[in-house]
């Protein structure tokens, strides 16, 4: 069963989301604020695939909820709900560990497409494919456990971050266009701005680079994209 936690203050919007997700096969738990969201997550022992999370909530805001959920699980899919005027909030949410965002107002098809895309990534992480290890410089990527180590120490990655690293390492030395990274990680059936790639690369560099402001491993190909340099 596909399980999703919807955290939305506005009852009308929340009802709209719940109905459309249920119609597409999701088992939905919906709550109106951050405290109830964390309580529902803990009460279910983390048995959710995706969280649909509004930024503006009474009590603790969506950013803090995202931070606490991400601390509980690196594989949980988190999608922020944002307004058109919240451009900086989108970036901040992605930097805190969200996988994607949906801008309000949105259509039922866009909502379901984005949730489905994140759900597929979560299920892929749990699929346990045949063991494969990729070694590159101080890094070891294990595609069975979907983990990354640097000099023997584990690096906590979200599923989006893991997929970007895996894609770049599989194509090490090759310049990867932003749009190709976008379609490979987020899918071709979901419209997402290519800047989401840049934000996730920035977040990855903080985690894996010795000097994030002067990256040695994930290098920028100006005007084009990125490449992995072993």
C-alpha atoms as a PDB file:
ATOM      1  CA  UNK A   1       0.000   0.000   0.000  1.00  0.00           C
ATOM      2  CA  UNK A   2       1.296   3.450  -0.958  1.00  0.00           C
ATOM      3  CA  UNK A   3       1.207   5.526   2.227  1.00  0.00           C
ATOM      4  CA  UNK A   4       1.382   9.320   2.282  1.00  0.00           C
ATOM      5  CA  UNK A   5       1.224  11.883   5.085  1.00  0.00           C
ATOM      6  CA  UNK A   6      -0.418  15.184   4.072  1.00  0.00           C
ATOM      7  CA  UNK A   7       0.397  18.194   6.262  1.00  0.00           C
ATOM      8  CA  UNK A   8      -1.683  21.195   5.238  1.00  0.00           C
ATOM      9  CA  UNK A   9      -3.276  23.941   7.359  1.00  0.00           C
ATOM     10  CA  UNK A  10      -6.030  24.939   4.914  1.00  0.00           C
ATOM     11  CA  UNK A  11      -8.800  22.366   5.184  1.00  0.00           C
ATOM     12  CA  UNK A  12     -10.171  22.932   1.667  1.00  0.00           C
ATOM     13  CA  UNK A  13      -6.772  22.414   0.053  1.00  0.00           C
ATOM     14  CA  UNK A  14      -6.064  19.421   2.267  1.00  0.00           C
ATOM     15  CA  UNK A  15      -9.364  17.802   1.309  1.00  0.00           C
ATOM     16  CA  UNK A  16      -8.585  18.388  -2.384  1.00  0.00           C
ATOM     17  CA  UNK A  17      -5.207  16.688  -1.984  1.00  0.00           C
ATOM     18  CA  UNK A  18      -6.586  13.772   0.012  1.00  0.00           C
ATOM     19  CA  UNK A  19      -9.373  13.016  -2.477  1.00  0.00           C
ATOM     20  CA  UNK A  20      -7.080  13.059  -5.516  1.00  0.00           C
ATOM     21  CA  UNK A  21      -4.379  10.975  -3.866  1.00  0.00           C
ATOM     22  CA  UNK A  22      -6.910   8.410  -2.657  1.00  0.00           C
ATOM     23  CA  UNK A  23      -8.328   8.166  -6.178  1.00  0.00           C
ATOM     24  CA  UNK A  24      -4.839   7.230  -7.358  1.00  0.00           C
ATOM     25  CA  UNK A  25      -4.293   4.434  -4.883  1.00  0.00           C
ATOM     26  CA  UNK A  26      -2.672   6.196  -1.935  1.00  0.00           C
ATOM     27  CA  UNK A  27      -3.548   5.527   1.683  1.00  0.00           C
ATOM     28  CA  UNK A  28      -3.641   9.051   3.121  1.00  0.00           C
ATOM     29  CA  UNK A  29      -3.193  10.323   6.666  1.00  0.00           C
ATOM     30  CA  UNK A  30      -3.864  14.077   6.833  1.00  0.00           C
ATOM     31  CA  UNK A  31      -3.078  16.512   9.653  1.00  0.00           C
ATOM     32  CA  UNK A  32      -3.333  20.325   9.990  1.00  0.00           C
ATOM     33  CA  UNK A  33      -0.020  21.203  11.673  1.00  0.00           C
ATOM     34  CA  UNK A  34       3.582  20.211  12.256  1.00  0.00           C
ATOM     35  CA  UNK A  35       3.215  18.819  15.764  1.00  0.00           C
ATOM     36  CA  UNK A  36       0.480  16.437  14.633  1.00  0.00           C
ATOM     37  CA  UNK A  37       2.571  15.478  11.599  1.00  0.00           C
ATOM     38  CA  UNK A  38       5.527  14.393  13.724  1.00  0.00           C
ATOM     39  CA  UNK A  39       3.199  12.591  16.119  1.00  0.00           C
ATOM     40  CA  UNK A  40       1.479  10.748  13.256  1.00  0.00           C
ATOM     41  CA  UNK A  41       4.825   9.763  11.763  1.00  0.00           C
ATOM     42  CA  UNK A  42       6.129   8.418  15.059  1.00  0.00           C
ATOM     43  CA  UNK A  43       2.865   6.662  15.894  1.00  0.00           C
ATOM     44  CA  UNK A  44       3.079   4.813  12.557  1.00  0.00           C
ATOM     45  CA  UNK A  45       6.754   3.943  13.239  1.00  0.00           C
ATOM     46  CA  UNK A  46       7.733   5.845  10.125  1.00  0.00           C
ATOM     47  CA  UNK A  47       5.570   3.683   7.875  1.00  0.00           C
ATOM     48  CA  UNK A  48       5.098   6.357   5.205  1.00  0.00           C
ATOM     49  CA  UNK A  49       6.538   6.546   1.718  1.00  0.00           C
ATOM     50  CA  UNK A  50       5.950  10.249   1.034  1.00  0.00           C
ATOM     51  CA  UNK A  51       5.112  13.394   3.013  1.00  0.00           C
ATOM     52  CA  UNK A  52       3.315  16.294   1.326  1.00  0.00           C
ATOM     53  CA  UNK A  53       4.266  19.265   3.481  1.00  0.00           C
ATOM     54  CA  UNK A  54       3.090  22.876   3.460  1.00  0.00           C
ATOM     55  CA  UNK A  55       5.716  25.438   4.445  1.00  0.00           C
ATOM     56  CA  UNK A  56       3.301  27.751   6.282  1.00  0.00           C
ATOM     57  CA  UNK A  57       1.863  25.904   9.277  1.00  0.00           C
ATOM     58  CA  UNK A  58       0.639  26.931  12.726  1.00  0.00           C
ATOM     59  CA  UNK A  59       3.166  26.193  15.462  1.00  0.00           C
ATOM     60  CA  UNK A  60       6.373  24.756  14.044  1.00  0.00           C
ATOM     61  CA  UNK A  61       6.703  25.544  10.351  1.00  0.00           C
ATOM     62  CA  UNK A  62       7.276  23.202   7.448  1.00  0.00           C
ATOM     63  CA  UNK A  63      11.032  23.754   7.443  1.00  0.00           C
ATOM     64  CA  UNK A  64      11.374  22.483  10.993  1.00  0.00           C
ATOM     65  CA  UNK A  65       9.078  19.535  10.280  1.00  0.00           C
ATOM     66  CA  UNK A  66      11.189  18.676   7.221  1.00  0.00           C
ATOM     67  CA  UNK A  67      14.370  18.894   9.276  1.00  0.00           C
ATOM     68  CA  UNK A  68      13.006  16.584  11.972  1.00  0.00           C
ATOM     69  CA  UNK A  69      11.568  14.089   9.481  1.00  0.00           C
ATOM     70  CA  UNK A  70      14.805  13.983   7.526  1.00  0.00           C
ATOM     71  CA  UNK A  71      16.689  13.284  10.761  1.00  0.00           C
ATOM     72  CA  UNK A  72      14.362  10.311  11.285  1.00  0.00           C
ATOM     73  CA  UNK A  73      14.726   8.938   7.745  1.00  0.00           C
ATOM     74  CA  UNK A  74      17.034   9.541   4.795  1.00  0.00           C
ATOM     75  CA  UNK A  75      14.765   7.604   2.425  1.00  0.00           C
ATOM     76  CA  UNK A  76      11.410   9.259   3.159  1.00  0.00           C
ATOM     77  CA  UNK A  77      10.103  11.233   0.187  1.00  0.00           C
ATOM     78  CA  UNK A  78       9.349  14.863   1.120  1.00  0.00           C
ATOM     79  CA  UNK A  79       7.500  17.285  -1.170  1.00  0.00           C
ATOM     80  CA  UNK A  80       6.995  20.919  -0.160  1.00  0.00           C
ATOM     81  CA  UNK A  81       3.882  22.891  -1.015  1.00  0.00           C
ATOM     82  CA  UNK A  82       4.845  26.482  -1.836  1.00  0.00           C
ATOM     83  CA  UNK A  83       3.263  29.670  -3.168  1.00  0.00           C
ATOM     84  CA  UNK A  84       4.460  31.449  -6.302  1.00  0.00           C
ATOM     85  CA  UNK A  85       5.921  34.219  -4.143  1.00  0.00           C
ATOM     86  CA  UNK A  86       8.024  31.782  -2.074  1.00  0.00           C
ATOM     87  CA  UNK A  87      10.971  31.351  -4.466  1.00  0.00           C
ATOM     88  CA  UNK A  88      13.587  31.522  -1.711  1.00  0.00           C
ATOM     89  CA  UNK A  89      11.512  29.141   0.396  1.00  0.00           C
ATOM     90  CA  UNK A  90      11.743  26.548  -2.383  1.00  0.00           C
ATOM     91  CA  UNK A  91      15.518  26.722  -2.319  1.00  0.00           C
ATOM     92  CA  UNK A  92      15.610  26.645   1.480  1.00  0.00           C
ATOM     93  CA  UNK A  93      13.333  23.601   1.540  1.00  0.00           C
ATOM     94  CA  UNK A  94      15.490  21.698  -0.924  1.00  0.00           C
ATOM     95  CA  UNK A  95      18.610  22.575   1.045  1.00  0.00           C
ATOM     96  CA  UNK A  96      16.967  21.132   4.161  1.00  0.00           C
ATOM     97  CA  UNK A  97      16.421  17.794   2.484  1.00  0.00           C
ATOM     98  CA  UNK A  98      13.135  17.979   0.562  1.00  0.00           C
ATOM     99  CA  UNK A  99      13.003  15.982  -2.671  1.00  0.00           C
ATOM    100  CA  UNK A 100      10.707  18.247  -4.673  1.00  0.00           C
ATOM    101  CA  UNK A 101       8.143  21.036  -4.419  1.00  0.00           C
ATOM    102  CA  UNK A 102       4.718  21.802  -5.894  1.00  0.00           C
ATOM    103  CA  UNK A 103       3.691  25.409  -6.464  1.00  0.00           C
ATOM    104  CA  UNK A 104       0.145  26.377  -5.475  1.00  0.00           C
ATOM    105  CA  UNK A 105      -2.291  26.471  -7.157  1.00  0.00           C
ATOM    106  CA  UNK A 106      -1.740  23.111  -8.847  1.00  0.00           C
ATOM    107  CA  UNK A 107      -3.867  20.696 -10.845  1.00  0.00           C
ATOM    108  CA  UNK A 108      -4.764  17.186  -9.685  1.00  0.00           C
ATOM    109  CA  UNK A 109      -2.613  15.688 -12.460  1.00  0.00           C
ATOM    110  CA  UNK A 110       0.466  17.700 -11.467  1.00  0.00           C
ATOM    111  CA  UNK A 111       0.055  16.801  -7.803  1.00  0.00           C
ATOM    112  CA  UNK A 112      -0.273  13.086  -8.497  1.00  0.00           C
ATOM    113  CA  UNK A 113       2.567  13.085 -11.058  1.00  0.00           C
ATOM    114  CA  UNK A 114       5.000  14.652  -8.609  1.00  0.00           C
ATOM    115  CA  UNK A 115       3.964  12.371  -5.762  1.00  0.00           C
ATOM    116  CA  UNK A 116       4.238   9.331  -8.045  1.00  0.00           C
ATOM    117  CA  UNK A 117       7.748  10.352  -9.129  1.00  0.00           C
ATOM    118  CA  UNK A 118       8.956  10.655  -5.536  1.00  0.00           C
ATOM    119  CA  UNK A 119       7.187   7.421  -4.572  1.00  0.00           C
ATOM    120  CA  UNK A 120       9.028   5.553  -7.353  1.00  0.00           C
ATOM    121  CA  UNK A 121      12.361   6.765  -5.996  1.00  0.00           C
ATOM    122  CA  UNK A 122      11.449   5.616  -2.491  1.00  0.00           C
ATOM    123  CA  UNK A 123      10.409   2.174  -3.758  1.00  0.00           C
ATOM    124  CA  UNK A 124      13.585   1.905  -5.826  1.00  0.00           C
ATOM    125  CA  UNK A 125      15.610   2.475  -2.680  1.00  0.00           C
ATOM    126  CA  UNK A 126      13.847  -0.459  -1.023  1.00  0.00           C
ATOM    127  CA  UNK A 127      14.163  -2.816  -3.996  1.00  0.00           C
ATOM    128  CA  UNK A 128      17.687  -4.093  -3.110  1.00  0.00           C
ATOM    129  CA  UNK A 129      19.136  -4.595  -6.595  1.00  0.00           C
ATOM    130  CA  UNK A 130      22.094  -6.890  -7.280  1.00  0.00           C
ATOM    131  CA  UNK A 131      25.136  -5.764  -5.326  1.00  0.00           C
ATOM    132  CA  UNK A 132      27.381  -3.400  -7.224  1.00  0.00           C
ATOM    133  CA  UNK A 133      30.175  -1.293  -5.814  1.00  0.00           C
ATOM    134  CA  UNK A 134      31.587   1.743  -7.571  1.00  0.00           C
ATOM    135  CA  UNK A 135      34.901   3.061  -6.279  1.00  0.00           C
ATOM    136  CA  UNK A 136      36.149   6.509  -7.219  1.00  0.00           C
ATOM    137  CA  UNK A 137      38.968   8.248  -5.388  1.00  0.00           C
ATOM    138  CA  UNK A 138      38.094   8.262  -1.662  1.00  0.00           C
ATOM    139  CA  UNK A 139      34.467   7.296  -2.406  1.00  0.00           C
ATOM    140  CA  UNK A 140      32.706   3.936  -2.400  1.00  0.00           C
ATOM    141  CA  UNK A 141      29.127   3.805  -3.719  1.00  0.00           C
ATOM    142  CA  UNK A 142      27.098   0.677  -2.936  1.00  0.00           C
ATOM    143  CA  UNK A 143      24.086   0.369  -5.241  1.00  0.00           C
ATOM    144  CA  UNK A 144      22.532  -2.414  -3.161  1.00  0.00           C
ATOM    145  CA  UNK A 145      22.421  -0.505   0.092  1.00  0.00           C
ATOM    146  CA  UNK A 146      22.294   2.797  -1.846  1.00  0.00           C
ATOM    147  CA  UNK A 147      24.970   4.264   0.380  1.00  0.00           C
ATOM    148  CA  UNK A 148      28.038   6.417  -0.134  1.00  0.00           C
ATOM    149  CA  UNK A 149      31.220   6.345   1.911  1.00  0.00           C
ATOM    150  CA  UNK A 150      34.187   8.698   1.838  1.00  0.00           C
ATOM    151  CA  UNK A 151      37.427   7.418   3.349  1.00  0.00           C
ATOM    152  CA  UNK A 152      35.421   4.693   5.061  1.00  0.00           C
ATOM    153  CA  UNK A 153      32.920   7.082   6.660  1.00  0.00           C
ATOM    154  CA  UNK A 154      29.246   7.024   5.674  1.00  0.00           C
ATOM    155  CA  UNK A 155      27.664  10.144   4.181  1.00  0.00           C
ATOM    156  CA  UNK A 156      23.940  10.603   4.797  1.00  0.00           C
ATOM    157  CA  UNK A 157      22.185  11.232   1.488  1.00  0.00           C
ATOM    158  CA  UNK A 158      18.572  11.738   0.538  1.00  0.00           C
ATOM    159  CA  UNK A 159      17.345   9.548  -2.328  1.00  0.00           C
ATOM    160  CA  UNK A 160      17.582  12.468  -4.757  1.00  0.00           C
ATOM    161  CA  UNK A 161      21.171  13.148  -3.694  1.00  0.00           C
ATOM    162  CA  UNK A 162      22.032   9.456  -3.995  1.00  0.00           C
ATOM    163  CA  UNK A 163      20.592   9.261  -7.508  1.00  0.00           C
ATOM    164  CA  UNK A 164      22.564  12.313  -8.641  1.00  0.00           C
ATOM    165  CA  UNK A 165      25.814  10.891  -7.252  1.00  0.00           C
ATOM    166  CA  UNK A 166      25.137   7.492  -8.819  1.00  0.00           C
ATOM    167  CA  UNK A 167      24.372   9.082 -12.192  1.00  0.00           C
ATOM    168  CA  UNK A 168      27.513  11.232 -12.134  1.00  0.00           C
ATOM    169  CA  UNK A 169      29.761   8.391 -10.936  1.00  0.00           C
ATOM    170  CA  UNK A 170      28.449   6.036 -13.625  1.00  0.00           C
ATOM    171  CA  UNK A 171      29.403   8.720 -16.154  1.00  0.00           C
ATOM    172  CA  UNK A 172      32.596   9.899 -14.431  1.00  0.00           C
ATOM    173  CA  UNK A 173      34.550  12.422 -16.436  1.00  0.00           C
ATOM    174  CA  UNK A 174      31.623  13.068 -18.804  1.00  0.00           C
ATOM    175  CA  UNK A 175      29.834  16.409 -18.757  1.00  0.00           C
ATOM    176  CA  UNK A 176      26.179  15.805 -17.879  1.00  0.00           C
ATOM    177  CA  UNK A 177      23.695  18.397 -19.086  1.00  0.00           C
ATOM    178  CA  UNK A 178      21.353  19.809 -16.424  1.00  0.00           C
ATOM    179  CA  UNK A 179      18.278  18.734 -18.362  1.00  0.00           C
ATOM    180  CA  UNK A 180      19.592  15.161 -18.628  1.00  0.00           C
ATOM    181  CA  UNK A 181      20.220  15.032 -14.888  1.00  0.00           C
ATOM    182  CA  UNK A 182      16.727  16.433 -14.368  1.00  0.00           C
ATOM    183  CA  UNK A 183      15.005  13.824 -16.539  1.00  0.00           C
ATOM    184  CA  UNK A 184      17.106  10.945 -15.155  1.00  0.00           C
ATOM    185  CA  UNK A 185      16.395  11.779 -11.497  1.00  0.00           C
ATOM    186  CA  UNK A 186      12.984  13.493 -11.506  1.00  0.00           C
ATOM    187  CA  UNK A 187      11.538  11.789 -14.587  1.00  0.00           C
ATOM    188  CA  UNK A 188      10.300  13.026 -17.931  1.00  0.00           C
ATOM    189  CA  UNK A 189       6.625  13.103 -16.960  1.00  0.00           C
ATOM    190  CA  UNK A 190       7.006  15.842 -14.336  1.00  0.00           C
ATOM    191  CA  UNK A 191       7.736  19.474 -15.169  1.00  0.00           C
ATOM    192  CA  UNK A 192      10.384  20.782 -12.802  1.00  0.00           C
ATOM    193  CA  UNK A 193      12.674  23.775 -13.212  1.00  0.00           C
ATOM    194  CA  UNK A 194      16.299  22.794 -13.886  1.00  0.00           C
ATOM    195  CA  UNK A 195      17.387  25.018 -10.986  1.00  0.00           C
ATOM    196  CA  UNK A 196      16.346  22.171  -8.670  1.00  0.00           C
ATOM    197  CA  UNK A 197      19.436  20.358  -9.993  1.00  0.00           C
ATOM    198  CA  UNK A 198      21.678  23.277  -8.993  1.00  0.00           C
ATOM    199  CA  UNK A 199      20.223  23.391  -5.479  1.00  0.00           C
ATOM    200  CA  UNK A 200      20.767  19.679  -4.936  1.00  0.00           C
ATOM    201  CA  UNK A 201      24.320  19.875  -6.304  1.00  0.00           C
ATOM    202  CA  UNK A 202      25.012  22.699  -3.860  1.00  0.00           C
ATOM    203  CA  UNK A 203      23.673  20.569  -1.019  1.00  0.00           C
ATOM    204  CA  UNK A 204      25.713  17.563  -2.146  1.00  0.00           C
ATOM    205  CA  UNK A 205      28.907  19.584  -2.238  1.00  0.00           C
ATOM    206  CA  UNK A 206      28.406  20.592   1.385  1.00  0.00           C
ATOM    207  CA  UNK A 207      28.267  16.898   2.267  1.00  0.00           C
ATOM    208  CA  UNK A 208      31.053  15.419   0.149  1.00  0.00           C
ATOM    209  CA  UNK A 209      33.571  18.125  -0.727  1.00  0.00           C
ATOM    210  CA  UNK A 210      36.547  19.100   1.428  1.00  0.00           C
ATOM    211  CA  UNK A 211      35.968  22.704   0.311  1.00  0.00           C
ATOM    212  CA  UNK A 212      32.399  23.124  -0.993  1.00  0.00           C
ATOM    213  CA  UNK A 213      33.203  26.577  -2.385  1.00  0.00           C
ATOM    214  CA  UNK A 214      36.056  25.055  -4.395  1.00  0.00           C
ATOM    215  CA  UNK A 215      34.696  21.641  -5.398  1.00  0.00           C
ATOM    216  CA  UNK A 216      37.119  18.931  -6.510  1.00  0.00           C
ATOM    217  CA  UNK A 217      34.698  16.074  -7.203  1.00  0.00           C
ATOM    218  CA  UNK A 218      31.474  17.543  -8.583  1.00  0.00           C
ATOM    219  CA  UNK A 219      32.688  20.172 -11.000  1.00  0.00           C
ATOM    220  CA  UNK A 220      30.604  22.714 -12.872  1.00  0.00           C
ATOM    221  CA  UNK A 221      30.669  22.773 -16.657  1.00  0.00           C
ATOM    222  CA  UNK A 222      29.687  26.392 -17.115  1.00  0.00           C
ATOM    223  CA  UNK A 223      26.584  26.979 -19.189  1.00  0.00           C
ATOM    224  CA  UNK A 224      25.985  23.240 -19.487  1.00  0.00           C
ATOM    225  CA  UNK A 225      25.895  21.108 -16.350  1.00  0.00           C
ATOM    226  CA  UNK A 226      28.157  19.049 -14.094  1.00  0.00           C
ATOM    227  CA  UNK A 227      30.678  16.220 -14.149  1.00  0.00           C
ATOM    228  CA  UNK A 228      32.219  13.834 -11.643  1.00  0.00           C
ATOM    229  CA  UNK A 229      35.985  14.062 -11.420  1.00  0.00           C
ATOM    230  CA  UNK A 230      37.526  11.058  -9.623  1.00  0.00           C
END
